[in-house]
Amino acid sequence: MKSTLFLRLASALTFLHAVLHTVGGVFGKPAPGAAQAAMLAMQTSRFHVMGVTRTYADFLLGSGLAISILLLVESIVFWQLGTLSKTDAPGLRPILAAFLAGYLALAVNSYQLFFAAPVIAELVIALCLGLAFVTYKPAVSTGPVRP
């Protein structure tokens, strides 16, 4: 049951991460000064790529929205894994290990290239995934299984 609780918590935290990333990161306005000037340059320099005309601001927006979508999908997957952990937690361990490694890598990436808020969020989500991995307890057998 504890693994279910930790996966539900990871789901909620990942959903919150998606919302805050979208509101602050994707649709947030740059601060006046250098950040605003950089954004203006990204918005006004258009170029052709693979048959379309885009700006670096388009790529930034598209990448940011893609991350928000993936975080939202992960929050749904974590919730579903919480349900599955009630009956098949051992089978979920490789999946949890993959997500755990991914969130640890995201935390390193965020530490090197962004700032503290996403690092903290990703480490707490990784902690929940790690705790879900280690707290699984097999169901107590009630007797022989009959075909």
C-alpha atoms as a PDB file:
ATOM      1  CA  MET A   1       0.000   0.000   0.000  1.00  0.00           C
ATOM      2  CA  LYS A   2       2.875   2.395   0.687  1.00  0.00           C
ATOM      3  CA  SER A   3       4.113   2.100  -2.888  1.00  0.00           C
ATOM      4  CA  THR A   4       0.646   3.200  -4.050  1.00  0.00           C
ATOM      5  CA  LEU A   5       0.783   6.224  -1.757  1.00  0.00           C
ATOM      6  CA  PHE A   6       4.231   7.253  -3.018  1.00  0.00           C
ATOM      7  CA  LEU A   7       3.138   6.878  -6.640  1.00  0.00           C
ATOM      8  CA  ARG A   8       0.031   8.989  -5.988  1.00  0.00           C
ATOM      9  CA  LEU A   9       2.263  11.617  -4.393  1.00  0.00           C
ATOM     10  CA  ALA A  10       4.649  11.480  -7.375  1.00  0.00           C
ATOM     11  CA  SER A  11       1.630  11.907  -9.644  1.00  0.00           C
ATOM     12  CA  ALA A  12       0.402  14.989  -7.791  1.00  0.00           C
ATOM     13  CA  LEU A  13       3.878  16.537  -7.674  1.00  0.00           C
ATOM     14  CA  THR A  14       4.436  15.883 -11.374  1.00  0.00           C
ATOM     15  CA  PHE A  15       1.067  17.476 -12.177  1.00  0.00           C
ATOM     16  CA  LEU A  16       2.036  20.522 -10.097  1.00  0.00           C
ATOM     17  CA  HIS A  17       5.422  20.615 -11.870  1.00  0.00           C
ATOM     18  CA  ALA A  18       3.586  20.598 -15.236  1.00  0.00           C
ATOM     19  CA  VAL A  19       1.292  23.461 -14.219  1.00  0.00           C
ATOM     20  CA  LEU A  20       4.072  25.624 -12.796  1.00  0.00           C
ATOM     21  CA  HIS A  21       6.344  24.909 -15.768  1.00  0.00           C
ATOM     22  CA  THR A  22       3.579  25.959 -18.144  1.00  0.00           C
ATOM     23  CA  VAL A  23       2.510  29.081 -16.278  1.00  0.00           C
ATOM     24  CA  GLY A  24       5.952  30.343 -15.303  1.00  0.00           C
ATOM     25  CA  GLY A  25       8.264  28.776 -17.847  1.00  0.00           C
ATOM     26  CA  VAL A  26       6.293  28.601 -21.063  1.00  0.00           C
ATOM     27  CA  PHE A  27       3.966  31.576 -20.744  1.00  0.00           C
ATOM     28  CA  GLY A  28       5.986  33.673 -18.276  1.00  0.00           C
ATOM     29  CA  LYS A  29       7.248  37.055 -19.427  1.00  0.00           C
ATOM     30  CA  PRO A  30      10.976  37.766 -19.478  1.00  0.00           C
ATOM     31  CA  ALA A  31      12.321  40.298 -17.001  1.00  0.00           C
ATOM     32  CA  PRO A  32      13.136  43.750 -18.375  1.00  0.00           C
ATOM     33  CA  GLY A  33      16.689  44.195 -19.571  1.00  0.00           C
ATOM     34  CA  ALA A  34      18.903  41.502 -21.024  1.00  0.00           C
ATOM     35  CA  ALA A  35      16.268  38.722 -20.843  1.00  0.00           C
ATOM     36  CA  GLN A  36      13.708  40.863 -22.650  1.00  0.00           C
ATOM     37  CA  ALA A  37      16.257  41.874 -25.314  1.00  0.00           C
ATOM     38  CA  ALA A  38      17.237  38.249 -25.877  1.00  0.00           C
ATOM     39  CA  MET A  39      13.581  37.239 -26.270  1.00  0.00           C
ATOM     40  CA  LEU A  40      12.974  40.077 -28.741  1.00  0.00           C
ATOM     41  CA  ALA A  41      15.953  38.924 -30.814  1.00  0.00           C
ATOM     42  CA  MET A  42      14.610  35.351 -30.744  1.00  0.00           C
ATOM     43  CA  GLN A  43      11.163  36.545 -31.874  1.00  0.00           C
ATOM     44  CA  THR A  44      12.312  38.781 -34.714  1.00  0.00           C
ATOM     45  CA  SER A  45      14.946  36.619 -36.411  1.00  0.00           C
ATOM     46  CA  ARG A  46      13.029  34.348 -38.791  1.00  0.00           C
ATOM     47  CA  PHE A  47      14.632  31.551 -40.811  1.00  0.00           C
ATOM     48  CA  HIS A  48      13.617  28.669 -43.028  1.00  0.00           C
ATOM     49  CA  VAL A  49      13.921  25.129 -41.727  1.00  0.00           C
ATOM     50  CA  MET A  50      12.529  21.968 -43.315  1.00  0.00           C
ATOM     51  CA  GLY A  51      10.058  23.858 -45.503  1.00  0.00           C
ATOM     52  CA  VAL A  52       8.668  26.271 -42.879  1.00  0.00           C
ATOM     53  CA  THR A  53       9.650  29.656 -41.497  1.00  0.00           C
ATOM     54  CA  ARG A  54      10.265  29.746 -37.752  1.00  0.00           C
ATOM     55  CA  THR A  55      12.030  31.731 -35.041  1.00  0.00           C
ATOM     56  CA  TYR A  56      14.023  30.515 -32.085  1.00  0.00           C
ATOM     57  CA  ALA A  57      11.134  31.796 -29.962  1.00  0.00           C
ATOM     58  CA  ASP A  58       8.868  29.342 -31.815  1.00  0.00           C
ATOM     59  CA  PHE A  59      11.262  26.511 -30.963  1.00  0.00           C
ATOM     60  CA  LEU A  60      11.444  27.656 -27.332  1.00  0.00           C
ATOM     61  CA  LEU A  61       7.643  27.778 -27.046  1.00  0.00           C
ATOM     62  CA  GLY A  62       7.236  24.419 -28.779  1.00  0.00           C
ATOM     63  CA  SER A  63       9.855  22.750 -26.601  1.00  0.00           C
ATOM     64  CA  GLY A  64       8.382  24.236 -23.434  1.00  0.00           C
ATOM     65  CA  LEU A  65       4.879  23.054 -24.329  1.00  0.00           C
ATOM     66  CA  ALA A  66       6.247  19.606 -25.214  1.00  0.00           C
ATOM     67  CA  ILE A  67       7.784  19.346 -21.735  1.00  0.00           C
ATOM     68  CA  SER A  68       4.490  20.442 -20.155  1.00  0.00           C
ATOM     69  CA  ILE A  69       2.601  17.806 -22.133  1.00  0.00           C
ATOM     70  CA  LEU A  70       5.094  15.089 -21.169  1.00  0.00           C
ATOM     71  CA  LEU A  71       4.922  16.073 -17.483  1.00  0.00           C
ATOM     72  CA  LEU A  72       1.121  15.903 -17.632  1.00  0.00           C
ATOM     73  CA  VAL A  73       1.243  12.456 -19.256  1.00  0.00           C
ATOM     74  CA  GLU A  74       3.772  11.282 -16.643  1.00  0.00           C
ATOM     75  CA  SER A  75       1.467  12.430 -13.854  1.00  0.00           C
ATOM     76  CA  ILE A  76      -1.309  10.309 -15.356  1.00  0.00           C
ATOM     77  CA  VAL A  77       1.045   7.320 -15.770  1.00  0.00           C
ATOM     78  CA  PHE A  78       2.216   7.612 -12.139  1.00  0.00           C
ATOM     79  CA  TRP A  79      -1.410   7.601 -10.969  1.00  0.00           C
ATOM     80  CA  GLN A  80      -2.113   4.497 -13.070  1.00  0.00           C
ATOM     81  CA  LEU A  81       1.050   2.813 -11.783  1.00  0.00           C
ATOM     82  CA  GLY A  82      -0.205   3.509  -8.265  1.00  0.00           C
ATOM     83  CA  THR A  83      -3.314   1.513  -9.073  1.00  0.00           C
ATOM     84  CA  LEU A  84      -1.304  -1.295 -10.673  1.00  0.00           C
ATOM     85  CA  SER A  85       1.101  -1.425  -7.726  1.00  0.00           C
ATOM     86  CA  LYS A  86      -1.693  -2.908  -5.613  1.00  0.00           C
ATOM     87  CA  THR A  87      -1.576  -6.084  -7.689  1.00  0.00           C
ATOM     88  CA  ASP A  88       1.659  -6.156  -9.700  1.00  0.00           C
ATOM     89  CA  ALA A  89       4.291  -4.072  -7.918  1.00  0.00           C
ATOM     90  CA  PRO A  90       7.203  -6.415  -8.759  1.00  0.00           C
ATOM     91  CA  GLY A  91       6.401  -6.075 -12.462  1.00  0.00           C
ATOM     92  CA  LEU A  92       6.449  -2.293 -12.118  1.00  0.00           C
ATOM     93  CA  ARG A  93       9.900  -2.070 -10.566  1.00  0.00           C
ATOM     94  CA  PRO A  94      11.795  -1.810 -13.885  1.00  0.00           C
ATOM     95  CA  ILE A  95       9.421   0.970 -14.980  1.00  0.00           C
ATOM     96  CA  LEU A  96       9.886   2.800 -11.689  1.00  0.00           C
ATOM     97  CA  ALA A  97      13.664   2.404 -11.968  1.00  0.00           C
ATOM     98  CA  ALA A  98      13.608   3.936 -15.456  1.00  0.00           C
ATOM     99  CA  PHE A  99      11.527   6.922 -14.315  1.00  0.00           C
ATOM    100  CA  LEU A 100      13.721   7.304 -11.219  1.00  0.00           C
ATOM    101  CA  ALA A 101      16.880   7.426 -13.356  1.00  0.00           C
ATOM    102  CA  GLY A 102      15.173   9.872 -15.703  1.00  0.00           C
ATOM    103  CA  TYR A 103      14.170  12.234 -12.914  1.00  0.00           C
ATOM    104  CA  LEU A 104      17.653  12.133 -11.421  1.00  0.00           C
ATOM    105  CA  ALA A 105      19.067  13.014 -14.845  1.00  0.00           C
ATOM    106  CA  LEU A 106      16.513  15.840 -15.175  1.00  0.00           C
ATOM    107  CA  ALA A 107      17.589  17.184 -11.794  1.00  0.00           C
ATOM    108  CA  VAL A 108      21.228  17.256 -12.903  1.00  0.00           C
ATOM    109  CA  ASN A 109      20.229  18.958 -16.157  1.00  0.00           C
ATOM    110  CA  SER A 110      18.127  21.526 -14.283  1.00  0.00           C
ATOM    111  CA  TYR A 111      20.947  22.158 -11.810  1.00  0.00           C
ATOM    112  CA  GLN A 112      23.427  22.812 -14.603  1.00  0.00           C
ATOM    113  CA  LEU A 113      21.187  24.817 -16.937  1.00  0.00           C
ATOM    114  CA  PHE A 114      18.247  26.241 -14.990  1.00  0.00           C
ATOM    115  CA  PHE A 115      17.652  27.066 -11.321  1.00  0.00           C
ATOM    116  CA  ALA A 116      16.678  25.593  -7.960  1.00  0.00           C
ATOM    117  CA  ALA A 117      12.881  25.225  -8.319  1.00  0.00           C
ATOM    118  CA  PRO A 118      12.877  22.463 -10.969  1.00  0.00           C
ATOM    119  CA  VAL A 119      15.837  20.752  -9.281  1.00  0.00           C
ATOM    120  CA  ILE A 120      13.901  20.519  -6.020  1.00  0.00           C
ATOM    121  CA  ALA A 121      10.713  19.341  -7.758  1.00  0.00           C
ATOM    122  CA  GLU A 122      12.553  16.661  -9.718  1.00  0.00           C
ATOM    123  CA  LEU A 123      14.469  15.411  -6.683  1.00  0.00           C
ATOM    124  CA  VAL A 124      11.276  15.146  -4.605  1.00  0.00           C
ATOM    125  CA  ILE A 125       9.534  13.281  -7.440  1.00  0.00           C
ATOM    126  CA  ALA A 126      12.585  10.984  -7.723  1.00  0.00           C
ATOM    127  CA  LEU A 127      12.423  10.405  -3.961  1.00  0.00           C
ATOM    128  CA  CYS A 128       8.756   9.378  -4.230  1.00  0.00           C
ATOM    129  CA  LEU A 129       9.562   7.021  -7.104  1.00  0.00           C
ATOM    130  CA  GLY A 130      12.477   5.538  -5.165  1.00  0.00           C
ATOM    131  CA  LEU A 131      10.316   5.039  -2.084  1.00  0.00           C
ATOM    132  CA  ALA A 132       7.602   3.403  -4.210  1.00  0.00           C
ATOM    133  CA  PHE A 133      10.314   1.085  -5.562  1.00  0.00           C
ATOM    134  CA  VAL A 134      11.600   0.002  -2.146  1.00  0.00           C
ATOM    135  CA  THR A 135       8.364  -0.091  -0.114  1.00  0.00           C
ATOM    136  CA  TYR A 136       6.611  -2.752  -2.129  1.00  0.00           C
ATOM    137  CA  LYS A 137       5.502  -5.645   0.035  1.00  0.00           C
ATOM    138  CA  PRO A 138       4.168  -8.757  -1.662  1.00  0.00           C
ATOM    139  CA  ALA A 139       0.569  -9.654  -0.956  1.00  0.00           C
ATOM    140  CA  VAL A 140       0.043 -12.326   1.663  1.00  0.00           C
ATOM    141  CA  SER A 141      -1.009 -15.603   0.080  1.00  0.00           C
ATOM    142  CA  THR A 142      -4.418 -16.865   1.219  1.00  0.00           C
ATOM    143  CA  GLY A 143      -3.900 -20.384  -0.018  1.00  0.00           C
ATOM    144  CA  PRO A 144      -3.038 -22.415  -3.075  1.00  0.00           C
ATOM    145  CA  VAL A 145      -3.995 -21.049  -6.471  1.00  0.00           C
ATOM    146  CA  ARG A 146      -6.394 -23.325  -8.315  1.00  0.00           C
ATOM    147  CA  PRO A 147      -6.822 -23.320 -12.080  1.00  0.00           C
END
